[in-house]
Protein backbone atom coordinates (compact mmCIF):
# COMPACT_ATOMS: atom_id res chain seq x y z
CA UNK A 1 -14.48 -26.37 14.25
CA UNK A 2 -17.44 -24.58 12.63
CA UNK A 3 -15.51 -21.54 11.32
CA UNK A 4 -15.47 -21.01 7.56
CA UNK A 5 -13.08 -18.57 5.82
CA UNK A 6 -11.55 -17.79 2.44
CA UNK A 7 -7.78 -17.37 2.30
CA UNK A 8 -5.53 -16.15 -0.51
CA UNK A 9 -1.76 -15.68 -0.74
CA UNK A 10 0.36 -13.67 -3.13
CA UNK A 11 2.05 -14.12 -6.43
CA UNK A 12 5.49 -15.43 -7.40
CA UNK A 13 8.12 -13.12 -5.89
CA UNK A 14 11.73 -12.87 -7.05
CA UNK A 15 13.50 -11.33 -4.07
CA UNK A 16 17.11 -10.19 -3.81
CA UNK A 17 19.65 -7.55 -4.74
CA UNK A 18 20.30 -7.30 -8.46
CA UNK A 19 17.27 -9.25 -9.56
CA UNK A 20 15.97 -6.39 -11.68
CA UNK A 21 18.24 -7.94 -14.31
CA UNK A 22 15.65 -10.72 -14.58
CA UNK A 23 12.92 -8.36 -15.80
CA UNK A 24 13.18 -9.45 -19.48
CA UNK A 25 12.96 -13.11 -18.50
CA UNK A 26 9.99 -12.39 -16.22
CA UNK A 27 8.15 -10.75 -19.12
CA UNK A 28 8.90 -13.76 -21.31
CA UNK A 29 7.58 -16.10 -18.62
CA UNK A 30 4.18 -14.39 -18.61
CA UNK A 31 4.02 -13.81 -22.37
CA UNK A 32 4.59 -10.04 -22.55
CA UNK A 33 6.47 -8.94 -25.68
CA UNK A 34 5.40 -5.29 -25.99
CA UNK A 35 5.09 -3.90 -22.47
CA UNK A 36 3.84 -0.52 -21.33
CA UNK A 37 5.99 0.50 -18.37
CA UNK A 38 3.91 2.55 -15.93
CA UNK A 39 5.87 4.67 -13.48
CA UNK A 40 5.73 8.03 -11.75
CA UNK A 41 7.34 11.24 -13.02
CA UNK A 42 10.01 11.20 -10.33
CA UNK A 43 11.40 7.92 -11.61
CA UNK A 44 10.95 8.48 -15.34
CA UNK A 45 14.42 9.94 -15.90
CA UNK A 46 16.39 8.19 -13.18
CA UNK A 47 19.33 5.87 -14.02
CA UNK A 48 17.58 2.82 -12.52
CA UNK A 49 14.73 3.14 -14.99
CA UNK A 50 16.97 3.90 -17.93
CA UNK A 51 19.02 0.79 -17.10
CA UNK A 52 15.88 -1.35 -16.97
CA UNK A 53 14.66 0.04 -20.30
CA UNK A 54 18.08 -0.62 -21.87
CA UNK A 55 17.96 -4.21 -20.64
CA UNK A 56 14.52 -4.70 -22.14
CA UNK A 57 15.66 -3.21 -25.46
CA UNK A 58 18.64 -5.53 -25.56
CA UNK A 59 16.41 -8.53 -24.84
CA UNK A 60 14.07 -7.69 -27.72
CA UNK A 61 11.20 -6.58 -25.46
CA UNK A 62 11.30 -2.77 -25.75
CA UNK A 63 8.94 -0.86 -23.46
CA UNK A 64 7.09 2.41 -23.88
CA UNK A 65 6.89 4.58 -20.75
CA UNK A 66 3.76 6.13 -19.27
CA UNK A 67 4.41 8.44 -16.31
CA UNK A 68 1.48 10.88 -16.19
CA UNK A 69 0.64 9.97 -12.59
CA UNK A 70 0.22 12.13 -9.50
CA UNK A 71 1.04 11.22 -5.92
CA UNK A 72 -2.56 10.35 -5.02
CA UNK A 73 -3.59 9.09 -8.48
CA UNK A 74 -6.90 10.13 -9.97
CA UNK A 75 -9.22 8.61 -12.56
CA UNK A 76 -7.75 10.76 -15.35
CA UNK A 77 -4.33 9.14 -14.80
CA UNK A 78 -5.85 5.72 -15.46
CA UNK A 79 -7.84 6.92 -18.47
CA UNK A 80 -4.73 8.38 -20.13
CA UNK A 81 -2.80 5.20 -19.43
CA UNK A 82 -5.49 3.00 -20.95
CA UNK A 83 -5.52 5.18 -24.07
CA UNK A 84 -1.71 4.96 -24.31
CA UNK A 85 -1.84 1.18 -23.89
CA UNK A 86 -4.39 0.74 -26.65
CA UNK A 87 -2.68 3.18 -29.02
CA UNK A 88 0.62 1.37 -28.62
CA UNK A 89 -0.96 -2.06 -29.05
CA UNK A 90 0.77 -3.28 -25.92
CA UNK A 91 0.25 -6.77 -24.52
CA UNK A 92 1.07 -6.30 -20.86
CA UNK A 93 2.08 -3.85 -18.13
CA UNK A 94 5.22 -3.35 -16.07
CA UNK A 95 4.13 -1.52 -12.91
CA UNK A 96 7.38 0.13 -11.79
CA UNK A 97 7.66 2.41 -8.77
CA UNK A 98 5.96 3.24 -5.50
CA UNK A 99 2.38 2.65 -4.50
CA UNK A 100 0.88 5.18 -6.91
CA UNK A 101 2.63 3.74 -9.97
CA UNK A 102 1.88 0.18 -8.92
CA UNK A 103 -1.80 0.93 -8.35
CA UNK A 104 -2.23 2.83 -11.61
CA UNK A 105 -0.31 0.21 -13.57
CA UNK A 106 -2.50 -2.57 -12.24
CA UNK A 107 -5.75 -0.68 -12.86
CA UNK A 108 -4.65 0.19 -16.41
CA UNK A 109 -3.99 -3.50 -17.07
CA UNK A 110 -7.41 -4.28 -15.64
CA UNK A 111 -9.34 -1.60 -17.54
CA UNK A 112 -7.89 -2.12 -21.04
CA UNK A 113 -10.31 -4.97 -21.66
CA UNK A 114 -13.40 -3.59 -19.92
CA UNK A 115 -16.37 -1.72 -21.37
CA UNK A 116 -17.97 -0.53 -18.13
CA UNK A 117 -16.80 2.55 -16.19
CA UNK A 118 -13.98 2.01 -13.69
CA UNK A 119 -16.19 2.89 -10.71
CA UNK A 120 -18.41 -0.10 -11.51
CA UNK A 121 -15.59 -2.29 -10.15
CA UNK A 122 -15.18 -0.67 -6.75
CA UNK A 123 -14.48 -3.17 -3.98
CA UNK A 124 -18.10 -3.46 -2.86
CA UNK A 125 -19.76 -6.85 -2.51
CA UNK A 126 -19.31 -8.88 -5.67
CA UNK A 127 -18.93 -5.92 -8.05
CA UNK A 128 -15.69 -7.46 -9.32
CA UNK A 129 -17.75 -10.16 -11.05
CA UNK A 130 -19.00 -7.50 -13.48
CA UNK A 131 -15.58 -7.52 -15.18
CA UNK A 132 -14.52 -9.53 -18.21
CA UNK A 133 -11.56 -11.50 -16.82
CA UNK A 134 -10.31 -12.30 -20.31
CA UNK A 135 -9.73 -8.61 -20.94
CA UNK A 136 -7.25 -8.17 -18.09
CA UNK A 137 -3.65 -7.76 -19.31
CA UNK A 138 -0.77 -9.56 -17.56
CA UNK A 139 1.28 -7.55 -15.06
CA UNK A 140 4.86 -7.71 -13.81
CA UNK A 141 5.44 -5.51 -10.74
CA UNK A 142 8.69 -3.85 -9.70
CA UNK A 143 8.38 -1.92 -6.41
CA UNK A 144 10.90 0.84 -5.67
CA UNK A 145 9.61 1.62 -2.18
CA UNK A 146 8.94 -0.57 0.84
CA UNK A 147 5.48 0.29 2.05
CA UNK A 148 2.23 -0.27 0.19
CA UNK A 149 2.81 -3.89 -0.78
CA UNK A 150 0.71 -3.21 -3.87
CA UNK A 151 3.09 -5.48 -5.78
CA UNK A 152 1.35 -8.49 -4.21
CA UNK A 153 -2.16 -7.03 -4.06
CA UNK A 154 -5.34 -7.53 -6.05
CA UNK A 155 -6.54 -3.93 -5.99
CA UNK A 156 -5.61 -0.35 -6.76
CA UNK A 157 -6.59 2.82 -4.90
CA UNK A 158 -7.71 5.62 -7.23
CA UNK A 159 -9.15 9.02 -6.26
CA UNK A 160 -12.44 10.04 -7.84
CA UNK A 161 -11.44 13.56 -8.85
CA UNK A 162 -14.97 14.95 -8.91
CA UNK A 163 -15.93 13.78 -5.42
CA UNK A 164 -12.42 13.83 -3.86
CA UNK A 165 -12.90 10.32 -2.51
CA UNK A 166 -10.52 7.38 -2.74
CA UNK A 167 -11.95 4.23 -4.28
CA UNK A 168 -10.56 0.69 -4.14
CA UNK A 169 -10.79 -1.03 -7.54
CA UNK A 170 -10.60 -4.80 -7.08
CA UNK A 171 -10.35 -7.97 -9.10
CA UNK A 172 -8.53 -11.24 -8.24
CA UNK A 173 -6.76 -11.23 -11.61
CA UNK A 174 -5.33 -7.78 -10.96
CA UNK A 175 -2.57 -9.44 -8.95
CA UNK A 176 0.78 -9.26 -10.76
CA UNK A 177 1.90 -12.55 -12.29
CA UNK A 178 5.50 -11.98 -11.16
CA UNK A 179 6.96 -9.45 -8.73
CA UNK A 180 10.63 -8.49 -8.62
CA UNK A 181 11.64 -7.19 -5.19
CA UNK A 182 15.16 -5.80 -5.57
CA UNK A 183 16.21 -3.77 -2.50
CA UNK A 184 18.89 -2.00 -4.52
CA UNK A 185 16.08 -0.07 -6.23
CA UNK A 186 15.11 1.53 -2.90
CA UNK A 187 18.57 2.83 -1.98
CA UNK A 188 17.94 6.35 -3.33
CA UNK A 189 14.67 6.80 -1.44
CA UNK A 190 14.88 9.93 0.79
CA UNK A 191 14.54 9.50 4.59
CA UNK A 192 11.04 11.07 4.67
CA UNK A 193 9.70 8.61 2.08
CA UNK A 194 11.58 5.70 3.66
CA UNK A 195 9.91 6.55 6.96
CA UNK A 196 6.45 7.10 5.48
CA UNK A 197 6.40 3.98 3.35
CA UNK A 198 7.83 1.91 6.20
CA UNK A 199 5.12 3.11 8.55
CA UNK A 200 2.55 2.20 5.90
CA UNK A 201 3.87 -1.37 6.03
CA UNK A 202 3.56 -1.30 9.82
CA UNK A 203 0.00 0.06 9.58
CA UNK A 204 -0.98 -2.74 7.20
CA UNK A 205 0.44 -5.40 9.51
CA UNK A 206 -1.01 -3.91 12.67
CA UNK A 207 -4.50 -3.27 11.37
CA UNK A 208 -4.63 -6.74 9.80
CA UNK A 209 -3.51 -8.27 13.09
CA UNK A 210 -6.22 -6.40 15.02
CA UNK A 211 -9.05 -6.91 12.52
CA UNK A 212 -11.83 -9.28 13.63
CA UNK A 213 -12.33 -12.58 11.86
CA UNK A 214 -10.59 -15.93 11.66
CA UNK A 215 -7.40 -15.85 9.62
CA UNK A 216 -4.47 -17.19 11.68
CA UNK A 217 -2.20 -17.36 8.63
CA UNK A 218 -2.63 -13.64 7.94
CA UNK A 219 -2.12 -12.89 11.62
CA UNK A 220 1.13 -14.85 11.68
CA UNK A 221 2.39 -13.02 8.61
CA UNK A 222 1.42 -9.68 10.19
CA UNK A 223 3.28 -10.41 13.42
CA UNK A 224 6.51 -11.31 11.64
CA UNK A 225 6.11 -8.25 9.40
CA UNK A 226 5.95 -6.03 12.48
CA UNK A 227 9.09 -7.64 13.89
CA UNK A 228 10.91 -6.83 10.65
CA UNK A 229 9.74 -3.22 10.86
CA UNK A 230 10.85 -2.95 14.47
CA UNK A 231 14.33 -4.21 13.68
CA UNK A 232 14.92 -2.51 10.34
CA UNK A 233 12.93 0.68 9.71
CA UNK A 234 15.11 3.00 11.80
CA UNK A 235 18.21 1.47 10.21
CA UNK A 236 16.88 2.08 6.70
CA UNK A 237 15.97 5.70 7.53
CA UNK A 238 19.35 6.45 9.09
CA UNK A 239 21.43 4.66 6.44
CA UNK A 240 19.78 4.51 3.04
CA UNK A 241 22.55 2.24 1.77
CA UNK A 242 21.87 -0.51 4.33
CA UNK A 243 20.81 -3.21 1.85
CA UNK A 244 19.94 -5.72 4.56
CA UNK A 245 17.56 -3.28 6.25
CA UNK A 246 16.15 -2.21 2.88
CA UNK A 247 15.54 -5.83 1.91
CA UNK A 248 13.84 -6.64 5.20
CA UNK A 249 11.57 -3.62 4.79
CA UNK A 250 10.61 -4.74 1.26
CA UNK A 251 9.69 -8.09 2.77
CA UNK A 252 7.67 -6.43 5.53
CA UNK A 253 5.78 -4.39 2.92
CA UNK A 254 4.80 -7.47 0.96
CA UNK A 255 3.83 -9.22 4.19
CA UNK A 256 1.60 -6.32 5.20
CA UNK A 257 -0.29 -6.43 1.93
CA UNK A 258 -0.57 -10.20 2.21
CA UNK A 259 -1.94 -9.90 5.74
CA UNK A 260 -4.48 -7.16 5.16
CA UNK A 261 -6.79 -9.41 3.22
CA UNK A 262 -8.01 -10.06 6.79
CA UNK A 263 -8.96 -6.40 7.07
CA UNK A 264 -7.72 -2.88 7.77
CA UNK A 265 -9.32 -0.28 10.03
CA UNK A 266 -9.55 3.25 11.34
CA UNK A 267 -6.06 4.34 10.31
CA UNK A 268 -6.83 3.75 6.66
CA UNK A 269 -10.44 4.88 6.90
CA UNK A 270 -9.18 8.31 7.98
CA UNK A 271 -6.05 8.41 5.83
CA UNK A 272 -7.97 7.87 2.61
CA UNK A 273 -10.16 11.02 2.84
CA UNK A 274 -7.35 13.10 4.34
CA UNK A 275 -5.05 12.12 1.49
CA UNK A 276 -7.73 12.80 -1.11
CA UNK A 277 -8.54 16.25 0.32
CA UNK A 278 -5.11 17.45 1.44
CA UNK A 279 -2.74 15.51 -0.83
CA UNK A 280 -0.79 14.07 2.11
CA UNK A 281 1.54 11.09 1.81
CA UNK A 282 -0.56 8.02 2.54
CA UNK A 283 1.93 6.15 4.71
CA UNK A 284 2.88 9.22 6.72
CA UNK A 285 -0.82 9.96 7.29
CA UNK A 286 -1.33 6.44 8.60
CA UNK A 287 1.69 6.98 10.85
CA UNK A 288 0.19 10.11 12.41
CA UNK A 289 -3.17 8.44 13.05
CA UNK A 290 -1.65 5.17 14.32
CA UNK A 291 -1.38 5.72 18.11
CA UNK A 292 -4.73 7.52 18.27
CA UNK A 293 -6.51 4.61 16.57
CA UNK A 294 -4.68 2.14 18.83
CA UNK A 295 -5.89 4.06 21.89
CA UNK A 296 -9.45 4.20 20.55
CA UNK A 297 -9.44 0.41 20.02
CA UNK A 298 -8.03 -0.34 23.49
CA UNK A 299 -10.95 -2.38 24.85
CA UNK A 300 -11.08 -4.68 21.85
CA UNK A 301 -7.37 -5.34 21.34
CA UNK A 302 -5.90 -5.55 24.82
CA UNK A 303 -5.26 -9.32 24.92
CA UNK A 304 -4.04 -9.35 21.34
CA UNK A 305 -1.60 -6.50 21.96
CA UNK A 306 -0.29 -8.21 25.10
CA UNK A 307 0.78 -11.18 22.96
CA UNK A 308 2.25 -8.89 20.32
CA UNK A 309 4.25 -6.82 22.82
CA UNK A 310 5.74 -10.02 24.23
CA UNK A 311 6.67 -11.28 20.74
CA UNK A 312 8.31 -7.95 19.89
CA UNK A 313 10.21 -8.10 23.21
CA UNK A 314 9.01 -4.71 24.36
CA UNK A 315 9.91 -3.38 27.78
CA UNK A 316 6.32 -2.31 28.47
CA UNK A 317 3.46 -4.76 27.89
CA UNK A 318 -0.04 -4.62 26.44
CA UNK A 319 -1.56 -1.96 24.24
CA UNK A 320 0.06 0.79 26.32
CA UNK A 321 3.46 -0.77 25.65
CA UNK A 322 2.71 -0.96 21.94
CA UNK A 323 1.65 2.69 21.86
CA UNK A 324 4.82 3.71 23.70
CA UNK A 325 6.92 1.85 21.14
CA UNK A 326 5.08 3.44 18.22
CA UNK A 327 5.55 6.91 19.73
CA UNK A 328 9.28 6.32 20.19
CA UNK A 329 9.64 4.95 16.67
CA UNK A 330 7.75 7.90 15.18
CA UNK A 331 9.95 10.39 17.01
CA UNK A 332 13.10 8.58 15.95
CA UNK A 333 12.29 8.59 12.24
CA UNK A 334 10.64 12.01 11.98
CA UNK A 335 6.89 11.34 11.98
CA UNK A 336 4.87 14.35 13.21
CA UNK A 337 2.93 13.86 16.43
CA UNK A 338 -0.15 15.69 15.14
CA UNK A 339 -1.85 16.37 11.83
CA UNK A 340 -0.50 19.92 11.90
CA UNK A 341 2.85 18.41 10.87
CA UNK A 342 1.18 17.33 7.61
CA UNK A 343 -0.45 20.77 7.16
CA UNK A 344 -3.88 19.31 7.93
CA UNK A 345 -6.31 21.36 10.02
CA UNK A 346 -9.78 20.70 11.40
CA UNK A 347 -11.69 22.76 8.85
CA UNK A 348 -13.02 19.74 6.96
CA UNK A 349 -13.58 17.39 9.89
CA UNK A 350 -17.26 16.80 9.07
CA UNK A 351 -16.43 15.87 5.47
CA UNK A 352 -13.59 13.60 6.57
CA UNK A 353 -15.66 11.85 9.25
CA UNK A 354 -18.49 11.20 6.81
CA UNK A 355 -16.09 9.73 4.24
CA UNK A 356 -14.28 7.63 6.85
CA UNK A 357 -17.52 6.03 7.98
CA UNK A 358 -18.26 4.66 4.50
CA UNK A 359 -14.67 3.86 3.53
CA UNK A 360 -14.40 0.10 2.84
CA UNK A 361 -11.59 -0.24 5.38
CA UNK A 362 -13.73 1.05 8.26
CA UNK A 363 -15.53 -2.29 8.55
CA UNK A 364 -12.30 -4.02 9.55
CA UNK A 365 -11.78 -1.92 12.66
CA UNK A 366 -12.19 -3.98 15.85
CA UNK A 367 -14.43 -1.25 17.33
CA UNK A 368 -17.29 0.18 15.28
CA UNK A 369 -15.81 3.05 13.30
CA UNK A 370 -18.76 5.28 12.55
CA UNK A 371 -18.86 9.03 11.98
CA UNK A 372 -18.64 9.84 15.68
CA UNK A 373 -15.66 7.52 16.11
CA UNK A 374 -13.88 9.11 13.15
CA UNK A 375 -14.48 12.59 14.59
CA UNK A 376 -13.13 11.49 17.96
CA UNK A 377 -9.91 10.04 16.54
CA UNK A 378 -9.41 12.90 14.10
CA UNK A 379 -9.80 15.43 16.91
CA UNK A 380 -7.28 13.55 19.05
CA UNK A 381 -4.79 13.61 16.16
CA UNK A 382 -5.32 17.36 15.76
CA UNK A 383 -4.85 18.03 19.47
CA UNK A 384 -2.15 15.41 20.10
CA UNK A 385 -4.07 13.86 23.00
CA UNK A 386 -3.91 10.12 23.69
């Protein structure tokens, strides 16, 4: 075989209910004595966080909390966090929360030892080699949602506030040293966020599976991740206390982020500018775009989707069967059929199409995703036409 490829797999993961109790030991294992805990404002005063902080205090590893983060985090959030880290003379980061907190926590840990601007490390070519790897602080990740999979990723998505564009900041050493996946931490997640984050996990798996390139390990992970979503997402939305379903969705989220090293595609290329301009929830935005991107990619993914539909034991086969399943799932868990349900209109279509074309995820789409393609899919998602 003449194919050559580079493959990477994630960090050490401690999975299971109640394992948040191991946070002090995890910090000890990676040499963090004075952590900065990065989280979002919604979690800052919740009992789960207070319990974790109490445990750290009792173990002699007290943490300071930084929570000045918005839903689609911007550069200023990172800058404030870096300043707080340096002022507190911290020696590592606990990234605790959903995708925004995880991304910001990882980028703070990355930037504390750098002298160049953050945008110099955007995921373009080999820009990551500009960084000083010795300046990157160790990270322990604790996800409280089941969607982004950022807890096993090597990048963070940050919005450039001045240009309203989302940028992917990447470095191999940005991957957390240890991740604690405790499904009990997701029990209080409202149905809307459970649905949105779960659909984000599905989008990661599906786009990775459809992306061109040779990576059978990532494809296998993606397929099993989609099976877990199929069997557990509706359960988790309907019964937030279903620990088995919650745990399986946490697993699917990590699998999606593991798989998408193979690539993403049109769903994310459109969701990034829409989220930056309209402040929409990232996973829910992916969920709205999903069937329209699948329909657009029909000619390139037919055989692949036939295999996937058979594996998922769907009544209808091929890409049409997959779209039917996605539509039924979306209706069942409350995903809007069109962008109007996210309060997104067509007023900025030209701006969104231009941004989608140059988004780093566009290159992973199995059909060329240029400006015209982005306009076509965006229009379909406005009109609700498949």
